[in-house]
Amino acid sequence: MPSDSMDDIELKNIQLQFPTARTLSRDDTNTTEEQVMTEKGSILVAIQGDRRKPAIMSFHDIGLNYIANFQAFFNYIDMRALLENFCVYHVNAPGQEEGAPALPEDYIYPTMDELADMLNIVMAHYNLKSVIGFGVGAGANILARFALNYPNKVECMCLINCASTQAGWIEWGYQKMNLRNLRAKGMTEGVRDYLMWHHFGKGTDERNHDLVEVYKQYFERHVQPVNLALFIDSYIRRSDLSISRETDPGKKNDNTLRMSVMNITGAFSPHIDDTVTLNGRLDPTNSTWMKIQDCGMVLEEQPGKVCEAFRLFLQGQGYAVALGRKLSSASVEGKMSLGSN
């Protein structure tokens, strides 16, 4: 009997701890939001890190903003250790930030090339000489355009699900239908399902049901439909990047990305073919194609693998010494996580 009483006492002292629910909201006190004026109006730039450090510039995909696309990844424990050496400038496309009002009816949304030129204004505003690009989907395409126009201002790039060609007929047709719904009815179930497919691919419910629900609720409650329609319309009207791989090693090729590029996609992503096409147009001596298994939305579903790949990529660009010093002083938990990937 005494042993049974002791068991009861021990059980009463046990407190259940539940993991924090995944949310897509402004809960990062280490990020500062600022408005930067451009010829197309003001855009939101969120700054994360020490501004004296080398700059990483991110740009999000359609249906998302810096919070929904990058907040969880850049706060992932391995990335926090790595980012002690960098400052991230998260650029948001016009009207895509959380809580944005509907853009005026007479507002002419920037083209993809104009969105790329906005990055030059952001760099001038913060007196940045060069940046490391980090983009997803539409944002990756915008960063690639910027790198083609200003190659001396981009050190290297990590591009996720980047399309280098014009929109195909199937993409054009589906997105035109989405545009009509967004403008007339708002965020319909059909538009929401398309966005889920665009970001996660197929079979996401079976892989991560909770994450799916978070993003479904985000699309339904936090996206300004008229503004999203304008951004999507600009994206599907994109021109070809007009880059090519030079087969003659003796010739100089000006129609390519001159800086190093890490070209990433997920095994379940619907954009694998786009990344393969891009890979075939890049210089194989300064580009790497990577398909990460068991995921569609790589930053959410496999952040550890992306972080490790990005860390090694940066080391290859000459940041190895600085990273080594910082990582040696990181927490034990951080070092264990980096070593486990």
C-alpha atoms as a PDB file:
ATOM      1  CA  MET A   1       0.000   0.000   0.000  1.00  0.00           C
ATOM      2  CA  PRO A   2       2.748   2.564   0.738  1.00  0.00           C
ATOM      3  CA  SER A   3       4.095   2.119  -2.781  1.00  0.00           C
ATOM      4  CA  ASP A   4       0.654   2.781  -4.285  1.00  0.00           C
ATOM      5  CA  SER A   5       0.362   6.002  -2.284  1.00  0.00           C
ATOM      6  CA  MET A   6       3.766   7.117  -3.516  1.00  0.00           C
ATOM      7  CA  ASP A   7       2.697   6.459  -7.104  1.00  0.00           C
ATOM      8  CA  ASP A   8      -0.385   8.623  -6.570  1.00  0.00           C
ATOM      9  CA  ILE A   9       1.754  11.460  -5.198  1.00  0.00           C
ATOM     10  CA  GLU A  10       4.139  11.316  -8.145  1.00  0.00           C
ATOM     11  CA  LEU A  11       1.326  11.331 -10.686  1.00  0.00           C
ATOM     12  CA  LYS A  12      -0.251  14.387  -9.080  1.00  0.00           C
ATOM     13  CA  ASN A  13       2.995  16.310  -9.507  1.00  0.00           C
ATOM     14  CA  ILE A  14       3.163  15.656 -13.229  1.00  0.00           C
ATOM     15  CA  GLN A  15       2.200  18.649 -15.388  1.00  0.00           C
ATOM     16  CA  LEU A  16       1.458  18.167 -19.037  1.00  0.00           C
ATOM     17  CA  GLN A  17       3.282  20.479 -21.441  1.00  0.00           C
ATOM     18  CA  PHE A  18       1.909  21.075 -24.899  1.00  0.00           C
ATOM     19  CA  PRO A  19       3.925  22.474 -27.815  1.00  0.00           C
ATOM     20  CA  THR A  20       3.209  26.039 -28.837  1.00  0.00           C
ATOM     21  CA  ALA A  21       0.717  26.170 -31.691  1.00  0.00           C
ATOM     22  CA  ARG A  22       2.121  27.264 -35.053  1.00  0.00           C
ATOM     23  CA  THR A  23       0.815  30.699 -35.960  1.00  0.00           C
ATOM     24  CA  LEU A  24       1.385  33.204 -38.750  1.00  0.00           C
ATOM     25  CA  SER A  25       1.383  36.520 -36.928  1.00  0.00           C
ATOM     26  CA  ARG A  26       3.603  39.399 -35.871  1.00  0.00           C
ATOM     27  CA  ASP A  27       5.149  37.878 -32.762  1.00  0.00           C
ATOM     28  CA  ASP A  28       8.844  38.436 -33.468  1.00  0.00           C
ATOM     29  CA  THR A  29      10.145  41.272 -31.318  1.00  0.00           C
ATOM     30  CA  ASN A  30      13.536  41.093 -33.038  1.00  0.00           C
ATOM     31  CA  THR A  31      12.099  42.307 -36.358  1.00  0.00           C
ATOM     32  CA  THR A  32      11.601  45.989 -37.184  1.00  0.00           C
ATOM     33  CA  GLU A  33       9.116  47.006 -39.871  1.00  0.00           C
ATOM     34  CA  GLU A  34       9.738  50.134 -41.950  1.00  0.00           C
ATOM     35  CA  GLN A  35       8.123  51.736 -44.980  1.00  0.00           C
ATOM     36  CA  VAL A  36      10.352  52.572 -47.956  1.00  0.00           C
ATOM     37  CA  MET A  37       9.078  54.985 -50.597  1.00  0.00           C
ATOM     38  CA  THR A  38       9.366  54.045 -54.269  1.00  0.00           C
ATOM     39  CA  GLU A  39       7.951  55.389 -57.513  1.00  0.00           C
ATOM     40  CA  LYS A  40       5.125  52.872 -57.117  1.00  0.00           C
ATOM     41  CA  GLY A  41       4.301  53.908 -53.560  1.00  0.00           C
ATOM     42  CA  SER A  42       5.649  52.651 -50.264  1.00  0.00           C
ATOM     43  CA  ILE A  43       6.596  49.055 -49.570  1.00  0.00           C
ATOM     44  CA  LEU A  44       7.114  47.322 -46.256  1.00  0.00           C
ATOM     45  CA  VAL A  45      10.626  46.153 -45.370  1.00  0.00           C
ATOM     46  CA  ALA A  46      11.095  44.083 -42.210  1.00  0.00           C
ATOM     47  CA  ILE A  47      14.614  44.079 -40.809  1.00  0.00           C
ATOM     48  CA  GLN A  48      15.919  41.214 -38.691  1.00  0.00           C
ATOM     49  CA  GLY A  49      19.403  41.329 -37.193  1.00  0.00           C
ATOM     50  CA  ASP A  50      22.363  43.657 -36.780  1.00  0.00           C
ATOM     51  CA  ARG A  51      22.453  46.179 -39.642  1.00  0.00           C
ATOM     52  CA  ARG A  52      26.244  46.298 -39.475  1.00  0.00           C
ATOM     53  CA  LYS A  53      26.431  42.682 -40.663  1.00  0.00           C
ATOM     54  CA  PRO A  54      26.326  41.390 -44.281  1.00  0.00           C
ATOM     55  CA  ALA A  55      22.854  41.680 -45.794  1.00  0.00           C
ATOM     56  CA  ILE A  56      20.461  38.937 -46.867  1.00  0.00           C
ATOM     57  CA  MET A  57      17.483  40.174 -48.903  1.00  0.00           C
ATOM     58  CA  SER A  58      14.388  37.967 -49.006  1.00  0.00           C
ATOM     59  CA  PHE A  59      11.316  38.139 -51.217  1.00  0.00           C
ATOM     60  CA  HIS A  60       8.168  36.079 -50.702  1.00  0.00           C
ATOM     61  CA  ASP A  61       5.885  34.063 -52.995  1.00  0.00           C
ATOM     62  CA  ILE A  62       2.296  34.785 -54.078  1.00  0.00           C
ATOM     63  CA  GLY A  63      -0.337  34.559 -51.334  1.00  0.00           C
ATOM     64  CA  LEU A  64       2.301  35.103 -48.645  1.00  0.00           C
ATOM     65  CA  ASN A  65       4.317  37.885 -47.044  1.00  0.00           C
ATOM     66  CA  TYR A  66       7.521  37.924 -45.020  1.00  0.00           C
ATOM     67  CA  ILE A  67       5.726  36.604 -41.927  1.00  0.00           C
ATOM     68  CA  ALA A  68       3.970  33.678 -43.597  1.00  0.00           C
ATOM     69  CA  ASN A  69       6.906  32.780 -45.842  1.00  0.00           C
ATOM     70  CA  PHE A  70      10.012  33.386 -43.745  1.00  0.00           C
ATOM     71  CA  GLN A  71       9.331  34.078 -40.069  1.00  0.00           C
ATOM     72  CA  ALA A  72       9.357  30.465 -38.881  1.00  0.00           C
ATOM     73  CA  PHE A  73      12.381  29.529 -40.997  1.00  0.00           C
ATOM     74  CA  PHE A  74      14.584  32.449 -39.996  1.00  0.00           C
ATOM     75  CA  ASN A  75      13.658  31.835 -36.333  1.00  0.00           C
ATOM     76  CA  TYR A  76      14.455  28.132 -36.605  1.00  0.00           C
ATOM     77  CA  ILE A  77      17.134  27.362 -34.002  1.00  0.00           C
ATOM     78  CA  ASP A  78      19.868  26.539 -36.536  1.00  0.00           C
ATOM     79  CA  MET A  79      19.125  29.670 -38.542  1.00  0.00           C
ATOM     80  CA  ARG A  80      19.211  31.861 -35.426  1.00  0.00           C
ATOM     81  CA  ALA A  81      22.769  30.713 -34.769  1.00  0.00           C
ATOM     82  CA  LEU A  82      23.739  31.338 -38.390  1.00  0.00           C
ATOM     83  CA  LEU A  83      22.017  34.720 -38.576  1.00  0.00           C
ATOM     84  CA  GLU A  84      24.101  36.117 -35.755  1.00  0.00           C
ATOM     85  CA  ASN A  85      26.453  36.922 -38.646  1.00  0.00           C
ATOM     86  CA  PHE A  86      23.892  38.519 -40.999  1.00  0.00           C
ATOM     87  CA  CYS A  87      21.069  41.039 -41.209  1.00  0.00           C
ATOM     88  CA  VAL A  88      17.953  40.051 -43.148  1.00  0.00           C
ATOM     89  CA  TYR A  89      15.922  42.600 -45.099  1.00  0.00           C
ATOM     90  CA  HIS A  90      12.515  41.047 -45.835  1.00  0.00           C
ATOM     91  CA  VAL A  91      10.925  42.899 -48.761  1.00  0.00           C
ATOM     92  CA  ASN A  92       7.144  42.706 -49.180  1.00  0.00           C
ATOM     93  CA  ALA A  93       5.413  43.239 -52.508  1.00  0.00           C
ATOM     94  CA  PRO A  94       3.007  46.229 -52.495  1.00  0.00           C
ATOM     95  CA  GLY A  95      -0.185  45.503 -50.581  1.00  0.00           C
ATOM     96  CA  GLN A  96       0.809  42.005 -49.458  1.00  0.00           C
ATOM     97  CA  GLU A  97       1.740  42.792 -45.853  1.00  0.00           C
ATOM     98  CA  GLU A  98      -0.489  41.706 -42.989  1.00  0.00           C
ATOM     99  CA  GLY A  99      -3.400  44.088 -42.434  1.00  0.00           C
ATOM    100  CA  ALA A 100      -2.833  45.959 -45.694  1.00  0.00           C
ATOM    101  CA  PRO A 101      -5.825  47.980 -46.963  1.00  0.00           C
ATOM    102  CA  ALA A 102      -7.107  47.402 -50.481  1.00  0.00           C
ATOM    103  CA  LEU A 103      -5.010  49.248 -53.038  1.00  0.00           C
ATOM    104  CA  PRO A 104      -6.811  52.084 -54.886  1.00  0.00           C
ATOM    105  CA  GLU A 105      -8.785  51.096 -57.970  1.00  0.00           C
ATOM    106  CA  ASP A 106      -6.585  53.284 -60.172  1.00  0.00           C
ATOM    107  CA  TYR A 107      -3.353  51.826 -58.770  1.00  0.00           C
ATOM    108  CA  ILE A 108      -1.190  50.279 -61.489  1.00  0.00           C
ATOM    109  CA  TYR A 109       0.594  47.321 -59.971  1.00  0.00           C
ATOM    110  CA  PRO A 110       4.326  47.016 -60.760  1.00  0.00           C
ATOM    111  CA  THR A 111       5.443  44.503 -63.350  1.00  0.00           C
ATOM    112  CA  MET A 112       7.928  41.830 -62.331  1.00  0.00           C
ATOM    113  CA  ASP A 113      10.766  43.942 -63.754  1.00  0.00           C
ATOM    114  CA  GLU A 114       9.535  46.980 -61.849  1.00  0.00           C
ATOM    115  CA  LEU A 115       9.334  44.947 -58.650  1.00  0.00           C
ATOM    116  CA  ALA A 116      12.957  43.935 -59.262  1.00  0.00           C
ATOM    117  CA  ASP A 117      13.943  47.594 -59.700  1.00  0.00           C
ATOM    118  CA  MET A 118      12.329  48.351 -56.324  1.00  0.00           C
ATOM    119  CA  LEU A 119      15.022  46.244 -54.701  1.00  0.00           C
ATOM    120  CA  ASN A 120      17.599  48.712 -55.968  1.00  0.00           C
ATOM    121  CA  ILE A 121      15.681  51.501 -54.201  1.00  0.00           C
ATOM    122  CA  VAL A 122      15.599  49.452 -50.994  1.00  0.00           C
ATOM    123  CA  MET A 123      19.363  48.898 -51.205  1.00  0.00           C
ATOM    124  CA  ALA A 124      19.978  52.609 -51.731  1.00  0.00           C
ATOM    125  CA  HIS A 125      17.669  53.482 -48.824  1.00  0.00           C
ATOM    126  CA  TYR A 126      19.687  51.300 -46.426  1.00  0.00           C
ATOM    127  CA  ASN A 127      23.028  52.067 -48.095  1.00  0.00           C
ATOM    128  CA  LEU A 128      23.647  48.433 -48.972  1.00  0.00           C
ATOM    129  CA  LYS A 129      26.468  47.748 -51.426  1.00  0.00           C
ATOM    130  CA  SER A 130      25.602  44.094 -52.037  1.00  0.00           C
ATOM    131  CA  VAL A 131      23.183  41.448 -50.767  1.00  0.00           C
ATOM    132  CA  ILE A 132      22.683  37.712 -50.606  1.00  0.00           C
ATOM    133  CA  GLY A 133      19.373  36.905 -52.310  1.00  0.00           C
ATOM    134  CA  PHE A 134      16.853  34.522 -50.741  1.00  0.00           C
ATOM    135  CA  GLY A 135      13.577  34.147 -52.645  1.00  0.00           C
ATOM    136  CA  VAL A 136      10.654  31.756 -53.060  1.00  0.00           C
ATOM    137  CA  GLY A 137       8.467  31.356 -56.154  1.00  0.00           C
ATOM    138  CA  ALA A 138       7.501  34.777 -57.480  1.00  0.00           C
ATOM    139  CA  GLY A 139      10.026  36.320 -55.093  1.00  0.00           C
ATOM    140  CA  ALA A 140      12.783  34.100 -56.484  1.00  0.00           C
ATOM    141  CA  ASN A 141      11.896  35.234 -60.014  1.00  0.00           C
ATOM    142  CA  ILE A 142      12.046  38.881 -58.910  1.00  0.00           C
ATOM    143  CA  LEU A 143      15.445  38.393 -57.270  1.00  0.00           C
ATOM    144  CA  ALA A 144      16.748  36.648 -60.399  1.00  0.00           C
ATOM    145  CA  ARG A 145      15.667  39.634 -62.504  1.00  0.00           C
ATOM    146  CA  PHE A 146      17.386  41.981 -60.096  1.00  0.00           C
ATOM    147  CA  ALA A 147      20.581  39.899 -60.255  1.00  0.00           C
ATOM    148  CA  LEU A 148      20.543  39.984 -64.062  1.00  0.00           C
ATOM    149  CA  ASN A 149      20.190  43.770 -64.089  1.00  0.00           C
ATOM    150  CA  TYR A 150      22.580  44.466 -61.198  1.00  0.00           C
ATOM    151  CA  PRO A 151      25.026  41.534 -61.053  1.00  0.00           C
ATOM    152  CA  ASN A 152      27.567  43.480 -59.008  1.00  0.00           C
ATOM    153  CA  LYS A 153      25.022  44.021 -56.237  1.00  0.00           C
ATOM    154  CA  VAL A 154      24.257  40.339 -55.609  1.00  0.00           C
ATOM    155  CA  GLU A 155      26.854  38.144 -53.926  1.00  0.00           C
ATOM    156  CA  CYS A 156      24.967  34.876 -54.359  1.00  0.00           C
ATOM    157  CA  MET A 157      21.381  33.598 -54.282  1.00  0.00           C
ATOM    158  CA  CYS A 158      19.232  30.864 -52.821  1.00  0.00           C
ATOM    159  CA  LEU A 159      16.217  30.432 -55.113  1.00  0.00           C
ATOM    160  CA  ILE A 160      13.350  28.137 -54.134  1.00  0.00           C
ATOM    161  CA  ASN A 161      10.799  26.959 -56.739  1.00  0.00           C
ATOM    162  CA  CYS A 162      12.028  29.562 -59.217  1.00  0.00           C
ATOM    163  CA  ALA A 163      10.468  29.725 -62.693  1.00  0.00           C
ATOM    164  CA  SER A 164      12.658  31.187 -65.433  1.00  0.00           C
ATOM    165  CA  THR A 165      10.116  31.002 -68.254  1.00  0.00           C
ATOM    166  CA  GLN A 166       6.828  32.673 -69.101  1.00  0.00           C
ATOM    167  CA  ALA A 167       3.662  31.271 -67.560  1.00  0.00           C
ATOM    168  CA  GLY A 168       2.353  28.236 -69.430  1.00  0.00           C
ATOM    169  CA  TRP A 169      -1.228  27.920 -70.642  1.00  0.00           C
ATOM    170  CA  ILE A 170      -2.337  25.741 -67.715  1.00  0.00           C
ATOM    171  CA  GLU A 171      -0.914  28.125 -65.112  1.00  0.00           C
ATOM    172  CA  TRP A 172      -2.362  31.088 -67.004  1.00  0.00           C
ATOM    173  CA  GLY A 173      -5.829  29.515 -67.163  1.00  0.00           C
ATOM    174  CA  TYR A 174      -6.032  28.542 -63.495  1.00  0.00           C
ATOM    175  CA  GLN A 175      -4.690  31.876 -62.318  1.00  0.00           C
ATOM    176  CA  LYS A 176      -7.071  33.856 -64.531  1.00  0.00           C
ATOM    177  CA  MET A 177      -9.923  31.996 -62.856  1.00  0.00           C
ATOM    178  CA  ASN A 178      -8.403  32.820 -59.472  1.00  0.00           C
ATOM    179  CA  LEU A 179      -8.160  36.495 -60.422  1.00  0.00           C
ATOM    180  CA  ARG A 180     -11.852  36.677 -61.282  1.00  0.00           C
ATOM    181  CA  ASN A 181     -12.838  35.023 -58.005  1.00  0.00           C
ATOM    182  CA  LEU A 182     -10.532  37.172 -55.873  1.00  0.00           C
ATOM    183  CA  ARG A 183     -11.888  40.374 -57.403  1.00  0.00           C
ATOM    184  CA  ALA A 184     -15.546  39.388 -57.388  1.00  0.00           C
ATOM    185  CA  LYS A 185     -15.957  37.058 -54.398  1.00  0.00           C
ATOM    186  CA  GLY A 186     -12.787  37.316 -52.323  1.00  0.00           C
ATOM    187  CA  MET A 187     -10.912  34.262 -51.046  1.00  0.00           C
ATOM    188  CA  THR A 188     -13.047  31.393 -52.327  1.00  0.00           C
ATOM    189  CA  GLU A 189     -12.463  27.737 -51.545  1.00  0.00           C
ATOM    190  CA  GLY A 190     -11.157  27.223 -55.077  1.00  0.00           C
ATOM    191  CA  VAL A 191      -8.551  29.975 -54.749  1.00  0.00           C
ATOM    192  CA  ARG A 192      -7.531  28.700 -51.329  1.00  0.00           C
ATOM    193  CA  ASP A 193      -7.104  25.152 -52.614  1.00  0.00           C
ATOM    194  CA  TYR A 194      -5.006  26.401 -55.549  1.00  0.00           C
ATOM    195  CA  LEU A 195      -2.722  28.315 -53.182  1.00  0.00           C
ATOM    196  CA  MET A 196      -2.358  25.237 -50.981  1.00  0.00           C
ATOM    197  CA  TRP A 197      -1.390  23.186 -54.045  1.00  0.00           C
ATOM    198  CA  HIS A 198       0.971  25.930 -55.241  1.00  0.00           C
ATOM    199  CA  HIS A 199       2.882  25.952 -51.946  1.00  0.00           C
ATOM    200  CA  PHE A 200       2.602  22.363 -50.701  1.00  0.00           C
ATOM    201  CA  GLY A 201       1.842  20.183 -53.721  1.00  0.00           C
ATOM    202  CA  LYS A 202      -0.241  17.060 -53.260  1.00  0.00           C
ATOM    203  CA  GLY A 203      -0.780  14.886 -50.200  1.00  0.00           C
ATOM    204  CA  THR A 204      -0.070  17.586 -47.634  1.00  0.00           C
ATOM    205  CA  ASP A 205      -2.938  16.539 -45.339  1.00  0.00           C
ATOM    206  CA  GLU A 206      -1.311  13.140 -44.889  1.00  0.00           C
ATOM    207  CA  ARG A 207       2.128  14.681 -44.228  1.00  0.00           C
ATOM    208  CA  ASN A 208       1.263  17.533 -41.873  1.00  0.00           C
ATOM    209  CA  HIS A 209      -2.410  18.117 -41.155  1.00  0.00           C
ATOM    210  CA  ASP A 210      -1.823  20.805 -38.501  1.00  0.00           C
ATOM    211  CA  LEU A 211       0.387  22.876 -40.813  1.00  0.00           C
ATOM    212  CA  VAL A 212      -2.225  22.635 -43.546  1.00  0.00           C
ATOM    213  CA  GLU A 213      -4.901  24.007 -41.240  1.00  0.00           C
ATOM    214  CA  VAL A 214      -2.681  26.918 -40.219  1.00  0.00           C
ATOM    215  CA  TYR A 215      -2.179  27.990 -43.822  1.00  0.00           C
ATOM    216  CA  LYS A 216      -5.797  27.440 -44.806  1.00  0.00           C
ATOM    217  CA  GLN A 217      -6.874  29.759 -42.018  1.00  0.00           C
ATOM    218  CA  TYR A 218      -4.201  32.252 -42.989  1.00  0.00           C
ATOM    219  CA  PHE A 219      -5.392  32.410 -46.610  1.00  0.00           C
ATOM    220  CA  GLU A 220      -9.007  32.768 -45.510  1.00  0.00           C
ATOM    221  CA  ARG A 221      -8.514  35.416 -42.812  1.00  0.00           C
ATOM    222  CA  HIS A 222      -5.327  37.387 -43.439  1.00  0.00           C
ATOM    223  CA  VAL A 223      -4.925  37.831 -47.212  1.00  0.00           C
ATOM    224  CA  GLN A 224      -6.267  40.978 -48.902  1.00  0.00           C
ATOM    225  CA  PRO A 225      -7.915  39.406 -51.997  1.00  0.00           C
ATOM    226  CA  VAL A 226      -7.836  42.442 -54.311  1.00  0.00           C
ATOM    227  CA  ASN A 227      -4.167  43.080 -53.600  1.00  0.00           C
ATOM    228  CA  LEU A 228      -3.324  39.411 -54.083  1.00  0.00           C
ATOM    229  CA  ALA A 229      -5.119  39.444 -57.443  1.00  0.00           C
ATOM    230  CA  LEU A 230      -2.886  42.319 -58.572  1.00  0.00           C
ATOM    231  CA  PHE A 231       0.282  40.503 -57.524  1.00  0.00           C
ATOM    232  CA  ILE A 232      -0.804  37.260 -59.213  1.00  0.00           C
ATOM    233  CA  ASP A 233      -1.685  39.146 -62.405  1.00  0.00           C
ATOM    234  CA  SER A 234       1.794  40.655 -62.460  1.00  0.00           C
ATOM    235  CA  TYR A 235       3.368  37.237 -61.887  1.00  0.00           C
ATOM    236  CA  ILE A 236       1.534  35.416 -64.678  1.00  0.00           C
ATOM    237  CA  ARG A 237       2.428  38.231 -67.092  1.00  0.00           C
ATOM    238  CA  ARG A 238       6.124  37.716 -66.381  1.00  0.00           C
ATOM    239  CA  SER A 239       8.535  37.640 -69.278  1.00  0.00           C
ATOM    240  CA  ASP A 240      11.125  34.934 -69.842  1.00  0.00           C
ATOM    241  CA  LEU A 241      14.380  35.584 -67.987  1.00  0.00           C
ATOM    242  CA  SER A 242      16.172  35.004 -71.315  1.00  0.00           C
ATOM    243  CA  ILE A 243      19.123  33.248 -69.741  1.00  0.00           C
ATOM    244  CA  SER A 244      21.039  30.386 -71.309  1.00  0.00           C
ATOM    245  CA  ARG A 245      23.910  28.017 -70.617  1.00  0.00           C
ATOM    246  CA  GLU A 246      27.020  28.533 -72.740  1.00  0.00           C
ATOM    247  CA  THR A 247      28.200  25.208 -74.123  1.00  0.00           C
ATOM    248  CA  ASP A 248      31.536  26.574 -75.325  1.00  0.00           C
ATOM    249  CA  PRO A 249      33.798  27.045 -72.270  1.00  0.00           C
ATOM    250  CA  GLY A 250      35.962  29.447 -74.263  1.00  0.00           C
ATOM    251  CA  LYS A 251      33.153  31.959 -74.726  1.00  0.00           C
ATOM    252  CA  LYS A 252      31.898  34.494 -72.219  1.00  0.00           C
ATOM    253  CA  ASN A 253      28.152  34.332 -71.620  1.00  0.00           C
ATOM    254  CA  ASP A 254      26.466  37.573 -70.590  1.00  0.00           C
ATOM    255  CA  ASN A 255      22.965  36.033 -70.658  1.00  0.00           C
ATOM    256  CA  THR A 256      23.233  34.164 -67.406  1.00  0.00           C
ATOM    257  CA  LEU A 257      23.388  34.643 -63.656  1.00  0.00           C
ATOM    258  CA  ARG A 258      27.046  35.316 -62.925  1.00  0.00           C
ATOM    259  CA  MET A 259      26.883  34.771 -59.189  1.00  0.00           C
ATOM    260  CA  SER A 260      26.584  31.415 -57.431  1.00  0.00           C
ATOM    261  CA  VAL A 261      23.029  30.067 -57.242  1.00  0.00           C
ATOM    262  CA  MET A 262      21.538  27.375 -55.020  1.00  0.00           C
ATOM    263  CA  ASN A 263      18.388  26.183 -56.800  1.00  0.00           C
ATOM    264  CA  ILE A 264      16.051  24.316 -54.404  1.00  0.00           C
ATOM    265  CA  THR A 265      12.735  22.496 -54.659  1.00  0.00           C
ATOM    266  CA  GLY A 266      10.815  19.873 -52.703  1.00  0.00           C
ATOM    267  CA  ALA A 267      10.095  16.320 -53.829  1.00  0.00           C
ATOM    268  CA  PHE A 268       6.323  16.949 -53.600  1.00  0.00           C
ATOM    269  CA  SER A 269       6.427  20.469 -55.045  1.00  0.00           C
ATOM    270  CA  PRO A 270       4.475  21.178 -58.255  1.00  0.00           C
ATOM    271  CA  HIS A 271       7.396  23.368 -59.395  1.00  0.00           C
ATOM    272  CA  ILE A 272      10.061  20.694 -59.849  1.00  0.00           C
ATOM    273  CA  ASP A 273      10.022  21.046 -63.644  1.00  0.00           C
ATOM    274  CA  ASP A 274      10.508  24.814 -63.350  1.00  0.00           C
ATOM    275  CA  THR A 275      13.622  24.318 -61.230  1.00  0.00           C
ATOM    276  CA  VAL A 276      14.976  21.663 -63.613  1.00  0.00           C
ATOM    277  CA  THR A 277      14.492  24.064 -66.526  1.00  0.00           C
ATOM    278  CA  LEU A 278      16.267  26.813 -64.606  1.00  0.00           C
ATOM    279  CA  ASN A 279      19.094  24.439 -63.730  1.00  0.00           C
ATOM    280  CA  GLY A 280      19.577  23.632 -67.412  1.00  0.00           C
ATOM    281  CA  ARG A 281      19.956  27.347 -68.202  1.00  0.00           C
ATOM    282  CA  LEU A 282      22.489  28.123 -65.461  1.00  0.00           C
ATOM    283  CA  ASP A 283      26.255  27.822 -65.557  1.00  0.00           C
ATOM    284  CA  PRO A 284      27.012  24.415 -63.996  1.00  0.00           C
ATOM    285  CA  THR A 285      30.253  25.752 -62.510  1.00  0.00           C
ATOM    286  CA  ASN A 286      28.460  28.155 -60.164  1.00  0.00           C
ATOM    287  CA  SER A 287      25.041  26.584 -59.621  1.00  0.00           C
ATOM    288  CA  THR A 288      23.626  23.717 -57.598  1.00  0.00           C
ATOM    289  CA  TRP A 289      20.223  22.031 -57.952  1.00  0.00           C
ATOM    290  CA  MET A 290      18.783  20.383 -54.868  1.00  0.00           C
ATOM    291  CA  LYS A 291      15.560  18.403 -54.409  1.00  0.00           C
ATOM    292  CA  ILE A 292      14.688  17.919 -50.751  1.00  0.00           C
ATOM    293  CA  GLN A 293      12.778  14.757 -49.924  1.00  0.00           C
ATOM    294  CA  ASP A 294       9.474  14.392 -48.042  1.00  0.00           C
ATOM    295  CA  CYS A 295       8.237  17.941 -48.510  1.00  0.00           C
ATOM    296  CA  GLY A 296       6.554  20.411 -50.825  1.00  0.00           C
ATOM    297  CA  MET A 297       6.973  23.675 -48.912  1.00  0.00           C
ATOM    298  CA  VAL A 298      10.613  23.197 -47.993  1.00  0.00           C
ATOM    299  CA  LEU A 299      11.024  26.073 -45.511  1.00  0.00           C
ATOM    300  CA  GLU A 300       8.111  24.838 -43.394  1.00  0.00           C
ATOM    301  CA  GLU A 301       8.416  21.081 -43.759  1.00  0.00           C
ATOM    302  CA  GLN A 302      12.206  20.615 -43.828  1.00  0.00           C
ATOM    303  CA  PRO A 303      13.783  23.747 -42.301  1.00  0.00           C
ATOM    304  CA  GLY A 304      16.743  21.849 -40.880  1.00  0.00           C
ATOM    305  CA  LYS A 305      17.827  20.479 -44.251  1.00  0.00           C
ATOM    306  CA  VAL A 306      17.449  23.861 -45.957  1.00  0.00           C
ATOM    307  CA  CYS A 307      19.372  25.573 -43.169  1.00  0.00           C
ATOM    308  CA  GLU A 308      22.252  23.113 -43.397  1.00  0.00           C
ATOM    309  CA  ALA A 309      22.374  23.455 -47.192  1.00  0.00           C
ATOM    310  CA  PHE A 310      22.298  27.259 -46.933  1.00  0.00           C
ATOM    311  CA  ARG A 311      25.055  27.226 -44.311  1.00  0.00           C
ATOM    312  CA  LEU A 312      27.329  25.113 -46.499  1.00  0.00           C
ATOM    313  CA  PHE A 313      26.452  27.277 -49.506  1.00  0.00           C
ATOM    314  CA  LEU A 314      27.503  30.424 -47.634  1.00  0.00           C
ATOM    315  CA  GLN A 315      30.714  28.764 -46.495  1.00  0.00           C
ATOM    316  CA  GLY A 316      31.478  28.059 -50.143  1.00  0.00           C
ATOM    317  CA  GLN A 317      31.042  31.769 -50.888  1.00  0.00           C
ATOM    318  CA  GLY A 318      33.764  32.756 -48.441  1.00  0.00           C
ATOM    319  CA  TYR A 319      31.755  33.178 -45.235  1.00  0.00           C
ATOM    320  CA  ALA A 320      33.296  30.053 -43.654  1.00  0.00           C
ATOM    321  CA  VAL A 321      35.628  31.819 -41.199  1.00  0.00           C
ATOM    322  CA  ALA A 322      32.940  34.102 -39.786  1.00  0.00           C
ATOM    323  CA  LEU A 323      30.430  31.265 -39.540  1.00  0.00           C
ATOM    324  CA  GLY A 324      32.954  29.044 -37.842  1.00  0.00           C
ATOM    325  CA  ARG A 325      33.657  31.617 -35.125  1.00  0.00           C
ATOM    326  CA  LYS A 326      29.992  32.307 -34.509  1.00  0.00           C
ATOM    327  CA  LEU A 327      28.955  28.671 -34.474  1.00  0.00           C
ATOM    328  CA  SER A 328      31.713  27.796 -32.030  1.00  0.00           C
ATOM    329  CA  SER A 329      30.203  30.222 -29.521  1.00  0.00           C
ATOM    330  CA  ALA A 330      26.613  29.196 -30.168  1.00  0.00           C
ATOM    331  CA  SER A 331      24.572  27.332 -27.622  1.00  0.00           C
ATOM    332  CA  VAL A 332      25.066  23.612 -27.171  1.00  0.00           C
ATOM    333  CA  GLU A 333      21.546  23.060 -28.447  1.00  0.00           C
ATOM    334  CA  GLY A 334      22.351  24.981 -31.622  1.00  0.00           C
ATOM    335  CA  LYS A 335      25.502  22.933 -32.268  1.00  0.00           C
ATOM    336  CA  MET A 336      23.674  19.663 -31.656  1.00  0.00           C
ATOM    337  CA  SER A 337      20.970  20.651 -34.137  1.00  0.00           C
ATOM    338  CA  LEU A 338      23.485  21.610 -36.814  1.00  0.00           C
ATOM    339  CA  GLY A 339      25.322  18.366 -36.361  1.00  0.00           C
ATOM    340  CA  SER A 340      22.169  16.277 -36.676  1.00  0.00           C
ATOM    341  CA  ASN A 341      21.231  17.365 -40.196  1.00  0.00           C
END
